[in-house]
Amino acid sequence: MRYESYSPWFKDIENHCSIHTGFYPEGYIAYLSHCFLIYTDFEESVKLLFSFLPVTSSIVEVGNCLLVFTNAFQSDITRSLFCTLYDMKVKGILKKFYHAVALYHIRG
């Protein structure tokens, strides 16, 4: 993108986005960022599940699925989350889901 195009847009960036402040009790750098694309007819139940995590999760409705961004600090929490999602899939609460992990390199 050319600077001439970017500069005017950036001057009023608050009109193009929202500011999100998350809660990460162990410090943001200690968490692994997970992204889930979830297909379900039980959207409210899935949203409720992610509201119980001890960090801030973001959930966006995309067409007929939910895009969930969340973070996990300890491997046992991550394992419990995955076990719960697979149990929900077996019980028919989730039709299917996809998962990705965002990796960041932060210089200290």
PDB file of N, CA and C in Angstrom:
ATOM      1  N   MET A   1       0.842  -1.164   0.000  1.00  0.00           N
ATOM      2  CA  MET A   1       0.000   0.000   0.000  1.00  0.00           C
ATOM      3  C   MET A   1       0.893   1.234   0.000  1.00  0.00           C
ATOM      4  N   ARG A   2       0.550   2.165  -0.805  1.00  0.00           N
ATOM      5  CA  ARG A   2       1.326   3.400  -0.882  1.00  0.00           C
ATOM      6  C   ARG A   2       1.041   4.287   0.332  1.00  0.00           C
ATOM      7  N   TYR A   3       2.057   5.014   0.746  1.00  0.00           N
ATOM      8  CA  TYR A   3       1.931   5.900   1.900  1.00  0.00           C
ATOM      9  C   TYR A   3       0.828   6.931   1.672  1.00  0.00           C
ATOM     10  N   GLU A   4       0.712   7.418   0.450  1.00  0.00           N
ATOM     11  CA  GLU A   4      -0.300   8.431   0.129  1.00  0.00           C
ATOM     12  C   GLU A   4      -1.716   7.910   0.357  1.00  0.00           C
ATOM     13  N   SER A   5      -1.916   6.623   0.179  1.00  0.00           N
ATOM     14  CA  SER A   5      -3.230   6.021   0.434  1.00  0.00           C
ATOM     15  C   SER A   5      -3.423   5.724   1.914  1.00  0.00           C
ATOM     16  N   TYR A   6      -2.371   5.268   2.553  1.00  0.00           N
ATOM     17  CA  TYR A   6      -2.430   4.848   3.951  1.00  0.00           C
ATOM     18  C   TYR A   6      -2.585   6.028   4.901  1.00  0.00           C
ATOM     19  N   SER A   7      -1.860   7.094   4.670  1.00  0.00           N
ATOM     20  CA  SER A   7      -1.805   8.218   5.596  1.00  0.00           C
ATOM     21  C   SER A   7      -3.172   8.843   5.890  1.00  0.00           C
ATOM     22  N   PRO A   8      -3.987   9.185   4.885  1.00  0.00           N
ATOM     23  CA  PRO A   8      -5.297   9.769   5.207  1.00  0.00           C
ATOM     24  C   PRO A   8      -6.209   8.802   5.976  1.00  0.00           C
ATOM     25  N   TRP A   9      -6.135   7.524   5.632  1.00  0.00           N
ATOM     26  CA  TRP A   9      -6.950   6.526   6.317  1.00  0.00           C
ATOM     27  C   TRP A   9      -6.538   6.411   7.785  1.00  0.00           C
ATOM     28  N   PHE A  10      -5.228   6.417   8.046  1.00  0.00           N
ATOM     29  CA  PHE A  10      -4.734   6.245   9.409  1.00  0.00           C
ATOM     30  C   PHE A  10      -5.089   7.433  10.301  1.00  0.00           C
ATOM     31  N   LYS A  11      -5.243   8.614   9.735  1.00  0.00           N
ATOM     32  CA  LYS A  11      -5.564   9.799  10.534  1.00  0.00           C
ATOM     33  C   LYS A  11      -6.902   9.663  11.251  1.00  0.00           C
ATOM     34  N   ASP A  12      -7.826   8.927  10.653  1.00  0.00           N
ATOM     35  CA  ASP A  12      -9.112   8.715  11.324  1.00  0.00           C
ATOM     36  C   ASP A  12      -9.382   7.218  11.528  1.00  0.00           C
ATOM     37  N   ILE A  13      -8.340   6.516  11.949  1.00  0.00           N
ATOM     38  CA  ILE A  13      -8.425   5.060  12.130  1.00  0.00           C
ATOM     39  C   ILE A  13      -9.516   4.658  13.114  1.00  0.00           C
ATOM     40  N   GLU A  14      -9.799   5.499  14.101  1.00  0.00           N
ATOM     41  CA  GLU A  14     -10.833   5.154  15.072  1.00  0.00           C
ATOM     42  C   GLU A  14     -12.207   5.013  14.418  1.00  0.00           C
ATOM     43  N   ASN A  15     -12.391   5.569  13.222  1.00  0.00           N
ATOM     44  CA  ASN A  15     -13.643   5.406  12.483  1.00  0.00           C
ATOM     45  C   ASN A  15     -13.698   4.078  11.733  1.00  0.00           C
ATOM     46  N   HIS A  16     -12.576   3.368  11.672  1.00  0.00           N
ATOM     47  CA  HIS A  16     -12.490   2.132  10.889  1.00  0.00           C
ATOM     48  C   HIS A  16     -12.278   0.886  11.741  1.00  0.00           C
ATOM     49  N   CYS A  17     -12.125   1.041  13.036  1.00  0.00           N
ATOM     50  CA  CYS A  17     -11.849  -0.123  13.886  1.00  0.00           C
ATOM     51  C   CYS A  17     -12.331   0.156  15.305  1.00  0.00           C
ATOM     52  N   SER A  18     -12.221  -0.859  16.122  1.00  0.00           N
ATOM     53  CA  SER A  18     -12.532  -0.689  17.537  1.00  0.00           C
ATOM     54  C   SER A  18     -11.311  -1.101  18.346  1.00  0.00           C
ATOM     55  N   ILE A  19     -11.203  -0.561  19.526  1.00  0.00           N
ATOM     56  CA  ILE A  19     -10.072  -0.860  20.396  1.00  0.00           C
ATOM     57  C   ILE A  19     -10.512  -1.938  21.375  1.00  0.00           C
ATOM     58  N   HIS A  20      -9.709  -2.959  21.495  1.00  0.00           N
ATOM     59  CA  HIS A  20     -10.035  -4.104  22.343  1.00  0.00           C
ATOM     60  C   HIS A  20      -8.945  -4.250  23.401  1.00  0.00           C
ATOM     61  N   THR A  21      -9.341  -4.205  24.656  1.00  0.00           N
ATOM     62  CA  THR A  21      -8.400  -4.405  25.751  1.00  0.00           C
ATOM     63  C   THR A  21      -8.718  -5.741  26.407  1.00  0.00           C
ATOM     64  N   GLY A  22      -7.753  -6.642  26.401  1.00  0.00           N
ATOM     65  CA  GLY A  22      -7.976  -7.981  26.931  1.00  0.00           C
ATOM     66  C   GLY A  22      -7.466  -8.147  28.349  1.00  0.00           C
ATOM     67  N   PHE A  23      -7.823  -9.263  28.956  1.00  0.00           N
ATOM     68  CA  PHE A  23      -7.401  -9.611  30.309  1.00  0.00           C
ATOM     69  C   PHE A  23      -6.520 -10.848  30.236  1.00  0.00           C
ATOM     70  N   TYR A  24      -5.264 -10.711  30.620  1.00  0.00           N
ATOM     71  CA  TYR A  24      -4.287 -11.798  30.597  1.00  0.00           C
ATOM     72  C   TYR A  24      -3.541 -11.778  31.928  1.00  0.00           C
ATOM     73  N   PRO A  25      -4.056 -12.486  32.944  1.00  0.00           N
ATOM     74  CA  PRO A  25      -3.496 -12.397  34.293  1.00  0.00           C
ATOM     75  C   PRO A  25      -2.021 -12.760  34.405  1.00  0.00           C
ATOM     76  N   GLU A  26      -1.519 -13.616  33.532  1.00  0.00           N
ATOM     77  CA  GLU A  26      -0.106 -14.014  33.579  1.00  0.00           C
ATOM     78  C   GLU A  26       0.762 -13.183  32.636  1.00  0.00           C
ATOM     79  N   GLY A  27       0.188 -12.146  32.025  1.00  0.00           N
ATOM     80  CA  GLY A  27       0.910 -11.342  31.041  1.00  0.00           C
ATOM     81  C   GLY A  27       0.725 -11.928  29.653  1.00  0.00           C
ATOM     82  N   TYR A  28       0.428 -11.097  28.685  1.00  0.00           N
ATOM     83  CA  TYR A  28       0.058 -11.555  27.342  1.00  0.00           C
ATOM     84  C   TYR A  28       1.085 -12.501  26.731  1.00  0.00           C
ATOM     85  N   ILE A  29       2.359 -12.228  26.933  1.00  0.00           N
ATOM     86  CA  ILE A  29       3.415 -13.020  26.299  1.00  0.00           C
ATOM     87  C   ILE A  29       3.426 -14.473  26.791  1.00  0.00           C
ATOM     88  N   ALA A  30       2.821 -14.753  27.940  1.00  0.00           N
ATOM     89  CA  ALA A  30       2.809 -16.110  28.499  1.00  0.00           C
ATOM     90  C   ALA A  30       1.755 -17.012  27.858  1.00  0.00           C
ATOM     91  N   TYR A  31       0.897 -16.459  27.018  1.00  0.00           N
ATOM     92  CA  TYR A  31      -0.228 -17.209  26.468  1.00  0.00           C
ATOM     93  C   TYR A  31       0.020 -17.622  25.024  1.00  0.00           C
ATOM     94  N   LEU A  32      -0.621 -18.725  24.643  1.00  0.00           N
ATOM     95  CA  LEU A  32      -0.600 -19.191  23.267  1.00  0.00           C
ATOM     96  C   LEU A  32      -1.939 -18.822  22.647  1.00  0.00           C
ATOM     97  N   SER A  33      -1.912 -18.148  21.501  1.00  0.00           N
ATOM     98  CA  SER A  33      -3.132 -17.665  20.854  1.00  0.00           C
ATOM     99  C   SER A  33      -3.739 -18.745  19.962  1.00  0.00           C
ATOM    100  N   HIS A  34      -4.992 -19.063  20.232  1.00  0.00           N
ATOM    101  CA  HIS A  34      -5.719 -20.077  19.464  1.00  0.00           C
ATOM    102  C   HIS A  34      -6.835 -19.410  18.668  1.00  0.00           C
ATOM    103  N   CYS A  35      -7.060 -19.927  17.481  1.00  0.00           N
ATOM    104  CA  CYS A  35      -8.156 -19.461  16.635  1.00  0.00           C
ATOM    105  C   CYS A  35      -8.983 -20.684  16.242  1.00  0.00           C
ATOM    106  N   PHE A  36     -10.278 -20.620  16.480  1.00  0.00           N
ATOM    107  CA  PHE A  36     -11.185 -21.719  16.146  1.00  0.00           C
ATOM    108  C   PHE A  36     -12.257 -21.214  15.185  1.00  0.00           C
ATOM    109  N   LEU A  37     -12.542 -22.001  14.170  1.00  0.00           N
ATOM    110  CA  LEU A  37     -13.683 -21.766  13.294  1.00  0.00           C
ATOM    111  C   LEU A  37     -14.658 -22.893  13.602  1.00  0.00           C
ATOM    112  N   ILE A  38     -15.803 -22.546  14.184  1.00  0.00           N
ATOM    113  CA  ILE A  38     -16.720 -23.536  14.743  1.00  0.00           C
ATOM    114  C   ILE A  38     -18.064 -23.481  14.020  1.00  0.00           C
ATOM    115  N   TYR A  39     -18.504 -24.642  13.552  1.00  0.00           N
ATOM    116  CA  TYR A  39     -19.817 -24.789  12.924  1.00  0.00           C
ATOM    117  C   TYR A  39     -20.751 -25.449  13.933  1.00  0.00           C
ATOM    118  N   THR A  40     -21.834 -24.760  14.275  1.00  0.00           N
ATOM    119  CA  THR A  40     -22.764 -25.262  15.288  1.00  0.00           C
ATOM    120  C   THR A  40     -24.129 -24.608  15.117  1.00  0.00           C
ATOM    121  N   ASP A  41     -25.152 -25.280  15.611  1.00  0.00           N
ATOM    122  CA  ASP A  41     -26.484 -24.686  15.712  1.00  0.00           C
ATOM    123  C   ASP A  41     -26.734 -24.168  17.124  1.00  0.00           C
ATOM    124  N   PHE A  42     -25.734 -24.296  17.983  1.00  0.00           N
ATOM    125  CA  PHE A  42     -25.850 -23.915  19.393  1.00  0.00           C
ATOM    126  C   PHE A  42     -24.857 -22.790  19.714  1.00  0.00           C
ATOM    127  N   GLU A  43     -24.998 -21.678  19.003  1.00  0.00           N
ATOM    128  CA  GLU A  43     -24.044 -20.581  19.132  1.00  0.00           C
ATOM    129  C   GLU A  43     -23.931 -20.062  20.558  1.00  0.00           C
ATOM    130  N   GLU A  44     -25.051 -19.895  21.229  1.00  0.00           N
ATOM    131  CA  GLU A  44     -25.027 -19.328  22.583  1.00  0.00           C
ATOM    132  C   GLU A  44     -24.294 -20.244  23.562  1.00  0.00           C
ATOM    133  N   SER A  45     -24.438 -21.540  23.408  1.00  0.00           N
ATOM    134  CA  SER A  45     -23.730 -22.482  24.283  1.00  0.00           C
ATOM    135  C   SER A  45     -22.227 -22.412  24.065  1.00  0.00           C
ATOM    136  N   VAL A  46     -21.818 -22.271  22.810  1.00  0.00           N
ATOM    137  CA  VAL A  46     -20.387 -22.164  22.503  1.00  0.00           C
ATOM    138  C   VAL A  46     -19.831 -20.859  23.062  1.00  0.00           C
ATOM    139  N   LYS A  47     -20.573 -19.781  22.901  1.00  0.00           N
ATOM    140  CA  LYS A  47     -20.136 -18.492  23.452  1.00  0.00           C
ATOM    141  C   LYS A  47     -20.000 -18.584  24.973  1.00  0.00           C
ATOM    142  N   LEU A  48     -20.942 -19.252  25.606  1.00  0.00           N
ATOM    143  CA  LEU A  48     -20.900 -19.417  27.060  1.00  0.00           C
ATOM    144  C   LEU A  48     -19.671 -20.215  27.481  1.00  0.00           C
ATOM    145  N   LEU A  49     -19.355 -21.273  26.748  1.00  0.00           N
ATOM    146  CA  LEU A  49     -18.169 -22.080  27.053  1.00  0.00           C
ATOM    147  C   LEU A  49     -16.917 -21.210  27.094  1.00  0.00           C
ATOM    148  N   PHE A  50     -16.711 -20.390  26.070  1.00  0.00           N
ATOM    149  CA  PHE A  50     -15.502 -19.570  26.008  1.00  0.00           C
ATOM    150  C   PHE A  50     -15.520 -18.441  27.032  1.00  0.00           C
ATOM    151  N   SER A  51     -16.697 -18.074  27.529  1.00  0.00           N
ATOM    152  CA  SER A  51     -16.759 -17.029  28.562  1.00  0.00           C
ATOM    153  C   SER A  51     -16.230 -17.532  29.905  1.00  0.00           C
ATOM    154  N   PHE A  52     -16.129 -18.847  30.086  1.00  0.00           N
ATOM    155  CA  PHE A  52     -15.623 -19.409  31.339  1.00  0.00           C
ATOM    156  C   PHE A  52     -14.104 -19.458  31.399  1.00  0.00           C
ATOM    157  N   LEU A  53     -13.421 -19.218  30.295  1.00  0.00           N
ATOM    158  CA  LEU A  53     -11.957 -19.234  30.309  1.00  0.00           C
ATOM    159  C   LEU A  53     -11.439 -18.027  31.085  1.00  0.00           C
ATOM    160  N   PRO A  54     -10.292 -18.167  31.755  1.00  0.00           N
ATOM    161  CA  PRO A  54      -9.780 -17.075  32.593  1.00  0.00           C
ATOM    162  C   PRO A  54      -9.024 -15.997  31.813  1.00  0.00           C
ATOM    163  N   VAL A  55      -9.349 -15.821  30.538  1.00  0.00           N
ATOM    164  CA  VAL A  55      -8.756 -14.778  29.699  1.00  0.00           C
ATOM    165  C   VAL A  55      -9.853 -14.194  28.820  1.00  0.00           C
ATOM    166  N   THR A  56      -9.526 -13.138  28.107  1.00  0.00           N
ATOM    167  CA  THR A  56     -10.469 -12.537  27.189  1.00  0.00           C
ATOM    168  C   THR A  56     -10.518 -13.342  25.898  1.00  0.00           C
ATOM    169  N   SER A  57     -11.719 -13.694  25.475  1.00  0.00           N
ATOM    170  CA  SER A  57     -11.931 -14.357  24.190  1.00  0.00           C
ATOM    171  C   SER A  57     -12.758 -13.431  23.308  1.00  0.00           C
ATOM    172  N   SER A  58     -12.473 -13.453  22.009  1.00  0.00           N
ATOM    173  CA  SER A  58     -13.249 -12.673  21.043  1.00  0.00           C
ATOM    174  C   SER A  58     -13.988 -13.646  20.144  1.00  0.00           C
ATOM    175  N   ILE A  59     -15.275 -13.396  19.947  1.00  0.00           N
ATOM    176  CA  ILE A  59     -16.102 -14.272  19.124  1.00  0.00           C
ATOM    177  C   ILE A  59     -16.805 -13.424  18.077  1.00  0.00           C
ATOM    178  N   VAL A  60     -16.659 -13.839  16.819  1.00  0.00           N
ATOM    179  CA  VAL A  60     -17.261 -13.123  15.699  1.00  0.00           C
ATOM    180  C   VAL A  60     -18.111 -14.111  14.913  1.00  0.00           C
ATOM    181  N   GLU A  61     -19.347 -13.733  14.620  1.00  0.00           N
ATOM    182  CA  GLU A  61     -20.190 -14.568  13.768  1.00  0.00           C
ATOM    183  C   GLU A  61     -19.796 -14.321  12.321  1.00  0.00           C
ATOM    184  N   VAL A  62     -19.452 -15.397  11.621  1.00  0.00           N
ATOM    185  CA  VAL A  62     -19.037 -15.314  10.219  1.00  0.00           C
ATOM    186  C   VAL A  62     -19.921 -16.281   9.438  1.00  0.00           C
ATOM    187  N   GLY A  63     -20.896 -15.740   8.723  1.00  0.00           N
ATOM    188  CA  GLY A  63     -21.818 -16.611   8.002  1.00  0.00           C
ATOM    189  C   GLY A  63     -22.539 -17.527   8.970  1.00  0.00           C
ATOM    190  N   ASN A  64     -22.424 -18.835   8.747  1.00  0.00           N
ATOM    191  CA  ASN A  64     -23.101 -19.809   9.603  1.00  0.00           C
ATOM    192  C   ASN A  64     -22.155 -20.456  10.613  1.00  0.00           C
ATOM    193  N   CYS A  65     -21.086 -19.761  10.966  1.00  0.00           N
ATOM    194  CA  CYS A  65     -20.139 -20.319  11.939  1.00  0.00           C
ATOM    195  C   CYS A  65     -19.637 -19.215  12.874  1.00  0.00           C
ATOM    196  N   LEU A  66     -18.888 -19.634  13.877  1.00  0.00           N
ATOM    197  CA  LEU A  66     -18.294 -18.704  14.835  1.00  0.00           C
ATOM    198  C   LEU A  66     -16.783 -18.730  14.682  1.00  0.00           C
ATOM    199  N   LEU A  67     -16.177 -17.567  14.654  1.00  0.00           N
ATOM    200  CA  LEU A  67     -14.726 -17.436  14.648  1.00  0.00           C
ATOM    201  C   LEU A  67     -14.334 -16.993  16.051  1.00  0.00           C
ATOM    202  N   VAL A  68     -13.581 -17.851  16.732  1.00  0.00           N
ATOM    203  CA  VAL A  68     -13.247 -17.616  18.139  1.00  0.00           C
ATOM    204  C   VAL A  68     -11.744 -17.435  18.281  1.00  0.00           C
ATOM    205  N   PHE A  69     -11.348 -16.342  18.903  1.00  0.00           N
ATOM    206  CA  PHE A  69      -9.950 -16.090  19.241  1.00  0.00           C
ATOM    207  C   PHE A  69      -9.841 -16.153  20.760  1.00  0.00           C
ATOM    208  N   THR A  70      -8.971 -17.008  21.249  1.00  0.00           N
ATOM    209  CA  THR A  70      -8.780 -17.115  22.690  1.00  0.00           C
ATOM    210  C   THR A  70      -7.330 -17.470  22.973  1.00  0.00           C
ATOM    211  N   ASN A  71      -6.967 -17.457  24.228  1.00  0.00           N
ATOM    212  CA  ASN A  71      -5.590 -17.729  24.633  1.00  0.00           C
ATOM    213  C   ASN A  71      -5.591 -18.720  25.783  1.00  0.00           C
ATOM    214  N   ALA A  72      -4.539 -19.520  25.853  1.00  0.00           N
ATOM    215  CA  ALA A  72      -4.405 -20.484  26.945  1.00  0.00           C
ATOM    216  C   ALA A  72      -3.012 -20.360  27.537  1.00  0.00           C
ATOM    217  N   PHE A  73      -2.942 -20.398  28.852  1.00  0.00           N
ATOM    218  CA  PHE A  73      -1.681 -20.234  29.567  1.00  0.00           C
ATOM    219  C   PHE A  73      -1.032 -21.576  29.876  1.00  0.00           C
ATOM    220  N   GLN A  74      -1.794 -22.506  30.364  1.00  0.00           N
ATOM    221  CA  GLN A  74      -1.245 -23.790  30.790  1.00  0.00           C
ATOM    222  C   GLN A  74      -1.707 -24.896  29.853  1.00  0.00           C
ATOM    223  N   SER A  75      -0.854 -25.892  29.664  1.00  0.00           N
ATOM    224  CA  SER A  75      -1.196 -26.977  28.755  1.00  0.00           C
ATOM    225  C   SER A  75      -2.408 -27.770  29.239  1.00  0.00           C
ATOM    226  N   ASP A  76      -2.633 -27.846  30.551  1.00  0.00           N
ATOM    227  CA  ASP A  76      -3.802 -28.588  31.033  1.00  0.00           C
ATOM    228  C   ASP A  76      -5.103 -27.869  30.685  1.00  0.00           C
ATOM    229  N   ILE A  77      -5.084 -26.546  30.650  1.00  0.00           N
ATOM    230  CA  ILE A  77      -6.262 -25.787  30.227  1.00  0.00           C
ATOM    231  C   ILE A  77      -6.501 -26.010  28.739  1.00  0.00           C
ATOM    232  N   THR A  78      -5.441 -25.978  27.948  1.00  0.00           N
ATOM    233  CA  THR A  78      -5.558 -26.222  26.510  1.00  0.00           C
ATOM    234  C   THR A  78      -6.107 -27.622  26.266  1.00  0.00           C
ATOM    235  N   ARG A  79      -5.580 -28.601  26.978  1.00  0.00           N
ATOM    236  CA  ARG A  79      -6.042 -29.984  26.814  1.00  0.00           C
ATOM    237  C   ARG A  79      -7.515 -30.098  27.189  1.00  0.00           C
ATOM    238  N   SER A  80      -7.919 -29.495  28.282  1.00  0.00           N
ATOM    239  CA  SER A  80      -9.324 -29.535  28.703  1.00  0.00           C
ATOM    240  C   SER A  80     -10.226 -28.879  27.669  1.00  0.00           C
ATOM    241  N   LEU A  81      -9.771 -27.775  27.094  1.00  0.00           N
ATOM    242  CA  LEU A  81     -10.553 -27.091  26.070  1.00  0.00           C
ATOM    243  C   LEU A  81     -10.760 -28.000  24.859  1.00  0.00           C
ATOM    244  N   PHE A  82      -9.685 -28.624  24.392  1.00  0.00           N
ATOM    245  CA  PHE A  82      -9.801 -29.515  23.237  1.00  0.00           C
ATOM    246  C   PHE A  82     -10.671 -30.731  23.545  1.00  0.00           C
ATOM    247  N   CYS A  83     -10.515 -31.302  24.722  1.00  0.00           N
ATOM    248  CA  CYS A  83     -11.358 -32.443  25.107  1.00  0.00           C
ATOM    249  C   CYS A  83     -12.830 -32.043  25.117  1.00  0.00           C
ATOM    250  N   THR A  84     -13.118 -30.859  25.634  1.00  0.00           N
ATOM    251  CA  THR A  84     -14.494 -30.367  25.667  1.00  0.00           C
ATOM    252  C   THR A  84     -15.035 -30.174  24.259  1.00  0.00           C
ATOM    253  N   LEU A  85     -14.236 -29.573  23.368  1.00  0.00           N
ATOM    254  CA  LEU A  85     -14.688 -29.364  21.992  1.00  0.00           C
ATOM    255  C   LEU A  85     -14.953 -30.694  21.284  1.00  0.00           C
ATOM    256  N   TYR A  86     -14.060 -31.662  21.460  1.00  0.00           N
ATOM    257  CA  TYR A  86     -14.272 -32.972  20.838  1.00  0.00           C
ATOM    258  C   TYR A  86     -15.483 -33.687  21.437  1.00  0.00           C
ATOM    259  N   ASP A  87     -15.698 -33.559  22.742  1.00  0.00           N
ATOM    260  CA  ASP A  87     -16.898 -34.135  23.360  1.00  0.00           C
ATOM    261  C   ASP A  87     -18.156 -33.489  22.790  1.00  0.00           C
ATOM    262  N   MET A  88     -18.120 -32.174  22.594  1.00  0.00           N
ATOM    263  CA  MET A  88     -19.264 -31.468  22.016  1.00  0.00           C
ATOM    264  C   MET A  88     -19.516 -31.931  20.585  1.00  0.00           C
ATOM    265  N   LYS A  89     -18.461 -32.230  19.864  1.00  0.00           N
ATOM    266  CA  LYS A  89     -18.605 -32.735  18.490  1.00  0.00           C
ATOM    267  C   LYS A  89     -19.235 -34.128  18.499  1.00  0.00           C
ATOM    268  N   VAL A  90     -18.777 -34.994  19.380  1.00  0.00           N
ATOM    269  CA  VAL A  90     -19.331 -36.353  19.487  1.00  0.00           C
ATOM    270  C   VAL A  90     -20.816 -36.307  19.849  1.00  0.00           C
ATOM    271  N   LYS A  91     -21.207 -35.365  20.705  1.00  0.00           N
ATOM    272  CA  LYS A  91     -22.601 -35.255  21.147  1.00  0.00           C
ATOM    273  C   LYS A  91     -23.475 -34.503  20.143  1.00  0.00           C
ATOM    274  N   GLY A  92     -22.876 -34.004  19.052  1.00  0.00           N
ATOM    275  CA  GLY A  92     -23.651 -33.319  18.022  1.00  0.00           C
ATOM    276  C   GLY A  92     -23.871 -31.840  18.273  1.00  0.00           C
ATOM    277  N   ILE A  93     -23.259 -31.295  19.313  1.00  0.00           N
ATOM    278  CA  ILE A  93     -23.389 -29.860  19.587  1.00  0.00           C
ATOM    279  C   ILE A  93     -22.595 -29.067  18.556  1.00  0.00           C
ATOM    280  N   LEU A  94     -21.423 -29.571  18.208  1.00  0.00           N
ATOM    281  CA  LEU A  94     -20.621 -28.972  17.142  1.00  0.00           C
ATOM    282  C   LEU A  94     -20.727 -29.855  15.911  1.00  0.00           C
ATOM    283  N   LYS A  95     -20.921 -29.226  14.756  1.00  0.00           N
ATOM    284  CA  LYS A  95     -20.918 -29.984  13.503  1.00  0.00           C
ATOM    285  C   LYS A  95     -19.479 -30.314  13.108  1.00  0.00           C
ATOM    286  N   LYS A  96     -18.631 -29.295  13.175  1.00  0.00           N
ATOM    287  CA  LYS A  96     -17.201 -29.449  12.901  1.00  0.00           C
ATOM    288  C   LYS A  96     -16.504 -28.195  13.392  1.00  0.00           C
ATOM    289  N   PHE A  97     -15.178 -28.293  13.553  1.00  0.00           N
ATOM    290  CA  PHE A  97     -14.404 -27.106  13.902  1.00  0.00           C
ATOM    291  C   PHE A  97     -12.990 -27.247  13.366  1.00  0.00           C
ATOM    292  N   TYR A  98     -12.396 -26.103  13.119  1.00  0.00           N
ATOM    293  CA  TYR A  98     -11.013 -26.022  12.657  1.00  0.00           C
ATOM    294  C   TYR A  98     -10.229 -25.206  13.670  1.00  0.00           C
ATOM    295  N   HIS A  99      -8.937 -25.452  13.727  1.00  0.00           N
ATOM    296  CA  HIS A  99      -8.096 -24.813  14.734  1.00  0.00           C
ATOM    297  C   HIS A  99      -6.797 -24.330  14.106  1.00  0.00           C
ATOM    298  N   ALA A 100      -6.338 -23.191  14.560  1.00  0.00           N
ATOM    299  CA  ALA A 100      -5.022 -22.665  14.170  1.00  0.00           C
ATOM    300  C   ALA A 100      -4.411 -22.001  15.393  1.00  0.00           C
ATOM    301  N   VAL A 101      -3.094 -21.952  15.413  1.00  0.00           N
ATOM    302  CA  VAL A 101      -2.368 -21.282  16.491  1.00  0.00           C
ATOM    303  C   VAL A 101      -1.588 -20.133  15.874  1.00  0.00           C
ATOM    304  N   ALA A 102      -1.712 -18.958  16.480  1.00  0.00           N
ATOM    305  CA  ALA A 102      -0.956 -17.793  16.022  1.00  0.00           C
ATOM    306  C   ALA A 102       0.348 -17.730  16.804  1.00  0.00           C
ATOM    307  N   LEU A 103       1.448 -17.712  16.090  1.00  0.00           N
ATOM    308  CA  LEU A 103       2.761 -17.620  16.730  1.00  0.00           C
ATOM    309  C   LEU A 103       3.320 -16.223  16.514  1.00  0.00           C
ATOM    310  N   TYR A 104       3.827 -15.636  17.571  1.00  0.00           N
ATOM    311  CA  TYR A 104       4.395 -14.295  17.518  1.00  0.00           C
ATOM    312  C   TYR A 104       5.834 -14.339  18.009  1.00  0.00           C
ATOM    313  N   HIS A 105       6.635 -13.487  17.443  1.00  0.00           N
ATOM    314  CA  HIS A 105       7.999 -13.325  17.944  1.00  0.00           C
ATOM    315  C   HIS A 105       8.097 -11.922  18.514  1.00  0.00           C
ATOM    316  N   ILE A 106       8.330 -11.837  19.799  1.00  0.00           N
ATOM    317  CA  ILE A 106       8.421 -10.536  20.463  1.00  0.00           C
ATOM    318  C   ILE A 106       9.826 -10.381  21.011  1.00  0.00           C
ATOM    319  N   ARG A 107      10.458  -9.310  20.619  1.00  0.00           N
ATOM    320  CA  ARG A 107      11.801  -9.025  21.136  1.00  0.00           C
ATOM    321  C   ARG A 107      11.680  -8.257  22.433  1.00  0.00           C
ATOM    322  N   GLY A 108      12.455  -8.684  23.414  1.00  0.00           N
ATOM    323  CA  GLY A 108      12.345  -8.050  24.722  1.00  0.00           C
ATOM    324  C   GLY A 108      13.415  -7.084  25.022  1.00  0.00           C
TER     325      GLY A 108
END
